Amino acid sequence: MGDSKIKKKQYRKNLPDLPIVGNQKKWNIIKIVLRALCLLLSITDIAELIAIETGSNALDYWAAVAYPVLAGIILWDLIEFVVIIIRGSPSKGIHPGAHVGVELILWLGSALTVAAQAIKAPWSELGASEWELEEQELLAWVRVTLTQFSFLSLLVFLRFIFFVRACIEVDRRKKDRRLQQLVFAIREQGRDPQDIPLAAFRAAREQNHVGPSTVLRAISHSTRRSTDTPESLTAQQQSRTSAEERDFAYKYNFPIVTVPELLESGIHPEDARNQKVLIGAFPR
């Protein structure tokens, strides 16, 4: 069991850097800037809430309801920054899967908080004219209250952006994992992944899963490029017979329904006879 884990780590460590598996540096910077903005807004919002609650004003405003979600936003963003600093890279923060769950909670929590404050807010006073508010010495407190409400509303929008981005990054990680599976499988067949056309990796990345047909198709692309001779073309034509399909299925344990698809996709006969790929056995 220990050897298996070590082997998986070695595979991942030696995985080549492929052009289509990269972090979007632009979004890494954008997320850092937006998180810094969220921290600033949240801290300012808490200061305004404390001022509203402790100040000598007559506004009937539900301030305390916003403390939990603001504290959650500050805590989560601080944890993200600490992880980035420890790992030394803007692209190596908390796993996107964790962000999906937490950002969903923070987004819904902040949205419900804004709704609760909007329902309980004294709009008759908040919407009064300036001279009326000055007469009651409430103008400054009304401005603080509206600023606090506006900042919290902006936080709802920002947390939604983080949630959507986390969902996108989870999907991209799944696609990159399919590409890694393809690289693992190609290496297990004694081939160099750098010899495989880039189009094969792009195609694998967009599929729902990496199956035997994906690996054989990728390997066959490199084989056809180096051995595109009349003899190989004749063998390809012969491989499309029903007898070849049955032989392929029984010998190499592929479901019979996938055989015509593989052969019609141009799988090289030598690869079809010599390569047996079981994706389920590779590290995930």
Protein backbone atom coordinates (compact mmCIF):
# COMPACT_ATOMS: atom_id res chain seq x y z
CA MET A 1 0.00 0.00 0.00
CA GLY A 2 2.86 2.34 0.89
CA ASP A 3 4.69 1.52 -2.35
CA SER A 4 1.54 2.34 -4.32
CA LYS A 5 1.31 5.80 -2.73
CA ILE A 6 5.00 6.45 -3.38
CA LYS A 7 4.55 5.40 -7.00
CA LYS A 8 1.60 7.77 -7.42
CA LYS A 9 3.62 10.67 -5.98
CA GLN A 10 6.54 9.89 -8.30
CA TYR A 11 4.19 9.83 -11.31
CA ARG A 12 2.77 13.23 -10.42
CA LYS A 13 6.21 14.68 -9.67
CA ASN A 14 7.58 13.57 -13.04
CA LEU A 15 4.53 14.68 -15.02
CA PRO A 16 5.67 16.94 -17.89
CA ASP A 17 4.40 20.50 -18.10
CA LEU A 18 1.95 20.46 -20.98
CA PRO A 19 0.94 23.72 -22.67
CA ILE A 20 -2.79 23.20 -22.10
CA VAL A 21 -2.49 22.51 -18.37
CA GLY A 22 -1.66 25.91 -16.98
CA ASN A 23 -2.94 28.30 -14.35
CA GLN A 24 -4.53 31.49 -15.52
CA LYS A 25 -2.18 34.02 -13.96
CA LYS A 26 -4.59 36.83 -14.71
CA TRP A 27 -7.33 35.25 -12.59
CA ASN A 28 -4.91 34.47 -9.79
CA ILE A 29 -4.10 38.19 -9.52
CA ILE A 30 -7.76 39.18 -9.87
CA LYS A 31 -8.75 36.88 -7.01
CA ILE A 32 -6.06 38.30 -4.73
CA VAL A 33 -7.20 41.86 -5.47
CA LEU A 34 -10.87 40.99 -4.93
CA ARG A 35 -10.12 39.16 -1.67
CA ALA A 36 -8.16 42.15 -0.41
CA LEU A 37 -11.15 44.32 -1.33
CA CYS A 38 -13.48 41.93 0.51
CA LEU A 39 -11.31 42.12 3.62
CA LEU A 40 -11.31 45.92 3.50
CA LEU A 41 -15.08 46.10 2.99
CA SER A 42 -15.78 43.55 5.73
CA ILE A 43 -13.58 45.26 8.33
CA THR A 44 -15.08 48.65 7.43
CA ASP A 45 -18.57 47.19 7.64
CA ILE A 46 -17.94 45.79 11.12
CA ALA A 47 -16.58 49.16 12.28
CA GLU A 48 -19.72 50.86 10.95
CA LEU A 49 -21.98 48.32 12.64
CA ILE A 50 -20.24 48.87 15.97
CA ALA A 51 -20.62 52.63 15.53
CA ILE A 52 -24.33 52.27 14.74
CA GLU A 53 -24.94 50.03 17.75
CA THR A 54 -22.95 52.07 20.25
CA GLY A 55 -23.75 55.54 18.93
CA SER A 56 -26.37 57.84 20.42
CA ASN A 57 -28.85 57.62 17.56
CA ALA A 58 -32.51 56.77 17.33
CA LEU A 59 -32.31 54.58 14.21
CA ASP A 60 -34.04 51.24 14.60
CA TYR A 61 -31.57 49.27 12.46
CA TRP A 62 -30.76 45.55 12.76
CA ALA A 63 -26.98 45.74 12.86
CA ALA A 64 -26.06 42.60 14.79
CA VAL A 65 -27.41 40.24 12.11
CA ALA A 66 -24.44 41.01 9.84
CA TYR A 67 -21.67 40.07 12.29
CA PRO A 68 -21.60 36.29 11.59
CA VAL A 69 -21.30 36.49 7.81
CA LEU A 70 -18.75 39.32 7.97
CA ALA A 71 -16.65 37.35 10.45
CA GLY A 72 -16.87 34.31 8.16
CA ILE A 73 -15.71 36.32 5.15
CA ILE A 74 -12.74 37.78 7.05
CA LEU A 75 -11.72 34.39 8.46
CA TRP A 76 -11.93 32.56 5.12
CA ASP A 77 -10.05 35.21 3.16
CA LEU A 78 -7.31 35.37 5.81
CA ILE A 79 -6.93 31.57 5.67
CA GLU A 80 -6.64 31.76 1.88
CA PHE A 81 -3.91 34.41 2.10
CA VAL A 82 -2.01 32.43 4.74
CA VAL A 83 -2.10 29.28 2.56
CA ILE A 84 -0.88 31.25 -0.47
CA ILE A 85 2.00 32.75 1.54
CA ILE A 86 3.02 29.38 3.02
CA ARG A 87 2.97 27.65 -0.38
CA GLY A 88 4.68 30.59 -2.05
CA SER A 89 2.44 30.90 -5.10
CA PRO A 90 -0.84 32.73 -5.90
CA SER A 91 -2.02 29.62 -7.76
CA LYS A 92 -1.60 27.33 -4.72
CA GLY A 93 -4.33 28.46 -2.40
CA ILE A 94 -7.03 26.34 -0.82
CA HIS A 95 -8.43 23.58 -3.06
CA PRO A 96 -11.21 24.87 -5.37
CA GLY A 97 -13.53 22.12 -4.11
CA ALA A 98 -13.41 23.64 -0.63
CA HIS A 99 -13.98 27.09 -2.11
CA VAL A 100 -17.15 25.90 -3.84
CA GLY A 101 -18.76 24.86 -0.56
CA VAL A 102 -17.55 27.77 1.58
CA GLU A 103 -18.19 30.46 -1.04
CA LEU A 104 -21.72 29.13 -1.55
CA ILE A 105 -22.36 29.45 2.20
CA LEU A 106 -20.85 32.95 2.35
CA TRP A 107 -22.76 34.10 -0.72
CA LEU A 108 -26.12 32.80 0.50
CA GLY A 109 -25.39 34.03 4.04
CA SER A 110 -24.54 37.54 2.88
CA ALA A 111 -27.57 37.62 0.55
CA LEU A 112 -29.92 36.58 3.38
CA THR A 113 -28.29 39.14 5.69
CA VAL A 114 -28.84 41.93 3.16
CA ALA A 115 -32.46 40.82 2.75
CA ALA A 116 -32.99 40.77 6.54
CA GLN A 117 -31.50 44.23 6.97
CA ALA A 118 -33.55 45.57 4.06
CA ILE A 119 -36.77 44.23 5.59
CA LYS A 120 -36.02 45.61 9.07
CA ALA A 121 -34.50 48.92 7.95
CA PRO A 122 -36.35 52.16 8.91
CA TRP A 123 -36.79 53.36 5.34
CA SER A 124 -39.02 56.24 6.41
CA GLU A 125 -36.03 57.74 8.21
CA LEU A 126 -33.37 56.60 5.76
CA GLY A 127 -35.30 58.17 2.89
CA ALA A 128 -36.09 61.45 4.61
CA SER A 129 -34.77 64.76 3.33
CA GLU A 130 -31.44 66.10 4.57
CA TRP A 131 -32.91 69.07 6.41
CA GLU A 132 -35.29 66.79 8.32
CA LEU A 133 -32.42 64.49 9.29
CA GLU A 134 -30.21 67.42 10.28
CA GLU A 135 -33.01 68.72 12.46
CA GLN A 136 -33.17 65.33 14.23
CA GLU A 137 -29.35 65.01 14.26
CA LEU A 138 -29.57 61.77 12.29
CA LEU A 139 -27.94 62.75 8.99
CA ALA A 140 -24.49 61.34 9.85
CA TRP A 141 -25.97 58.08 11.17
CA VAL A 142 -28.16 57.64 8.11
CA ARG A 143 -25.11 58.02 5.88
CA VAL A 144 -23.16 55.48 7.94
CA THR A 145 -26.10 53.05 7.80
CA LEU A 146 -26.53 53.38 4.03
CA THR A 147 -22.78 52.98 3.52
CA GLN A 148 -22.78 49.81 5.62
CA PHE A 149 -25.74 48.41 3.68
CA SER A 150 -24.10 49.28 0.33
CA PHE A 151 -20.81 47.62 1.30
CA LEU A 152 -22.59 44.45 2.39
CA SER A 153 -24.57 44.40 -0.88
CA LEU A 154 -21.29 44.69 -2.79
CA LEU A 155 -19.92 41.76 -0.79
CA VAL A 156 -22.87 39.64 -1.97
CA PHE A 157 -21.81 40.30 -5.57
CA LEU A 158 -18.12 39.60 -4.87
CA ARG A 159 -18.83 36.31 -3.08
CA PHE A 160 -20.95 35.22 -6.04
CA ILE A 161 -17.97 35.88 -8.33
CA PHE A 162 -15.76 33.73 -6.08
CA PHE A 163 -18.35 30.93 -6.07
CA VAL A 164 -18.69 30.88 -9.86
CA ARG A 165 -14.91 31.00 -10.31
CA ALA A 166 -14.44 28.11 -7.87
CA CYS A 167 -16.93 26.02 -9.86
CA ILE A 168 -15.02 26.77 -13.07
CA GLU A 169 -11.69 25.82 -11.48
CA VAL A 170 -13.11 22.53 -10.17
CA ASP A 171 -14.28 21.68 -13.70
CA ARG A 172 -10.89 22.59 -15.14
CA ARG A 173 -9.11 20.44 -12.56
CA LYS A 174 -11.26 17.48 -13.57
CA LYS A 175 -10.30 18.06 -17.19
CA ASP A 176 -6.63 18.34 -16.27
CA ARG A 177 -6.89 15.10 -14.29
CA ARG A 178 -8.19 13.34 -17.43
CA LEU A 179 -5.15 14.63 -19.25
CA GLN A 180 -2.90 13.34 -16.46
CA GLN A 181 -4.56 9.92 -16.73
CA LEU A 182 -3.80 9.92 -20.44
CA VAL A 183 -0.15 10.79 -19.79
CA PHE A 184 0.10 8.02 -17.16
CA ALA A 185 -1.41 5.50 -19.57
CA ILE A 186 0.87 6.50 -22.45
CA ARG A 187 3.94 6.16 -20.22
CA GLU A 188 2.81 2.73 -19.04
CA GLN A 189 2.79 1.68 -22.71
CA GLY A 190 6.45 2.66 -23.02
CA ARG A 191 5.70 5.76 -25.10
CA ASP A 192 6.90 9.33 -24.65
CA PRO A 193 3.95 11.71 -24.08
CA GLN A 194 5.89 14.43 -25.91
CA ASP A 195 5.54 12.38 -29.12
CA ILE A 196 1.75 12.49 -28.93
CA PRO A 197 0.09 15.29 -30.95
CA LEU A 198 -1.26 18.14 -28.85
CA ALA A 199 -4.69 17.67 -30.45
CA ALA A 200 -4.99 14.27 -28.76
CA PHE A 201 -4.49 15.85 -25.33
CA ARG A 202 -7.01 18.58 -26.08
CA ALA A 203 -9.58 15.98 -27.14
CA ALA A 204 -9.01 13.88 -24.00
CA ARG A 205 -9.38 16.95 -21.79
CA GLU A 206 -12.90 17.63 -23.12
CA GLN A 207 -14.19 14.07 -22.69
CA ASN A 208 -16.22 12.83 -19.73
CA HIS A 209 -13.60 10.18 -18.95
CA VAL A 210 -10.36 8.76 -20.31
CA GLY A 211 -11.08 5.27 -21.59
CA PRO A 212 -9.10 2.68 -23.57
CA SER A 213 -10.25 4.16 -26.88
CA THR A 214 -8.83 7.56 -25.88
CA VAL A 215 -5.41 6.11 -25.13
CA LEU A 216 -5.26 3.92 -28.22
CA ARG A 217 -6.37 6.80 -30.42
CA ALA A 218 -3.67 9.07 -28.97
CA ILE A 219 -0.97 6.42 -29.41
CA SER A 220 -2.13 5.64 -32.94
CA HIS A 221 -1.69 9.29 -33.98
CA SER A 222 2.04 9.18 -33.21
CA THR A 223 2.40 5.72 -34.76
CA ARG A 224 0.72 6.76 -38.01
CA ARG A 225 2.93 9.80 -38.32
CA SER A 226 6.10 7.68 -38.17
CA THR A 227 4.87 4.59 -40.10
CA ASP A 228 2.55 5.90 -42.79
CA THR A 229 3.38 3.24 -45.44
CA PRO A 230 1.29 1.28 -47.99
CA GLU A 231 1.70 -1.84 -45.87
CA SER A 232 0.18 -0.14 -42.83
CA LEU A 233 -2.72 1.16 -44.93
CA THR A 234 -3.44 -2.35 -46.17
CA ALA A 235 -3.36 -3.67 -42.62
CA GLN A 236 -5.77 -0.92 -41.53
CA GLN A 237 -8.25 -1.96 -44.19
CA GLN A 238 -8.00 -5.58 -43.09
CA SER A 239 -8.53 -4.63 -39.44
CA ARG A 240 -12.03 -3.38 -40.20
CA THR A 241 -13.39 -6.87 -40.87
CA SER A 242 -15.83 -8.38 -38.40
CA ALA A 243 -13.36 -11.20 -37.62
CA GLU A 244 -10.77 -8.65 -36.57
CA GLU A 245 -13.35 -6.90 -34.41
CA ARG A 246 -14.21 -10.11 -32.58
CA ASP A 247 -10.55 -11.03 -32.16
CA PHE A 248 -9.79 -7.55 -30.84
CA ALA A 249 -12.64 -7.71 -28.32
CA TYR A 250 -11.93 -11.19 -26.97
CA LYS A 251 -8.15 -10.92 -26.78
CA TYR A 252 -7.94 -7.46 -25.25
CA ASN A 253 -11.08 -7.41 -23.10
CA PHE A 254 -12.70 -4.40 -24.75
CA PRO A 255 -16.53 -4.42 -24.98
CA ILE A 256 -17.61 -5.49 -28.45
CA VAL A 257 -19.69 -2.34 -28.87
CA THR A 258 -16.56 -0.17 -28.72
CA VAL A 259 -14.57 -2.13 -31.30
CA PRO A 260 -16.11 -0.66 -34.49
CA GLU A 261 -15.65 2.82 -33.06
CA LEU A 262 -11.98 2.16 -32.33
CA LEU A 263 -11.26 0.67 -35.74
CA GLU A 264 -13.16 3.38 -37.60
CA SER A 265 -11.18 5.98 -35.67
CA GLY A 266 -8.03 4.78 -37.40
CA ILE A 267 -6.39 2.77 -34.60
CA HIS A 268 -3.13 1.39 -35.95
CA PRO A 269 -3.21 -2.45 -36.15
CA GLU A 270 0.08 -2.84 -34.29
CA ASP A 271 -1.27 -0.78 -31.41
CA ALA A 272 -4.55 -2.68 -31.45
CA ARG A 273 -2.72 -6.00 -31.14
CA ASN A 274 0.04 -5.01 -28.73
CA GLN A 275 -1.53 -2.43 -26.40
CA LYS A 276 -3.88 -3.39 -23.59
CA VAL A 277 -4.87 -0.31 -21.59
CA LEU A 278 -6.76 -0.49 -18.32
CA ILE A 279 -7.30 3.08 -17.18
CA GLY A 280 -8.80 2.02 -13.86
CA ALA A 281 -5.40 0.70 -12.73
CA PHE A 282 -3.64 4.03 -13.02
CA PRO A 283 -3.21 6.58 -10.21
CA ARG A 284 -6.08 9.03 -9.74
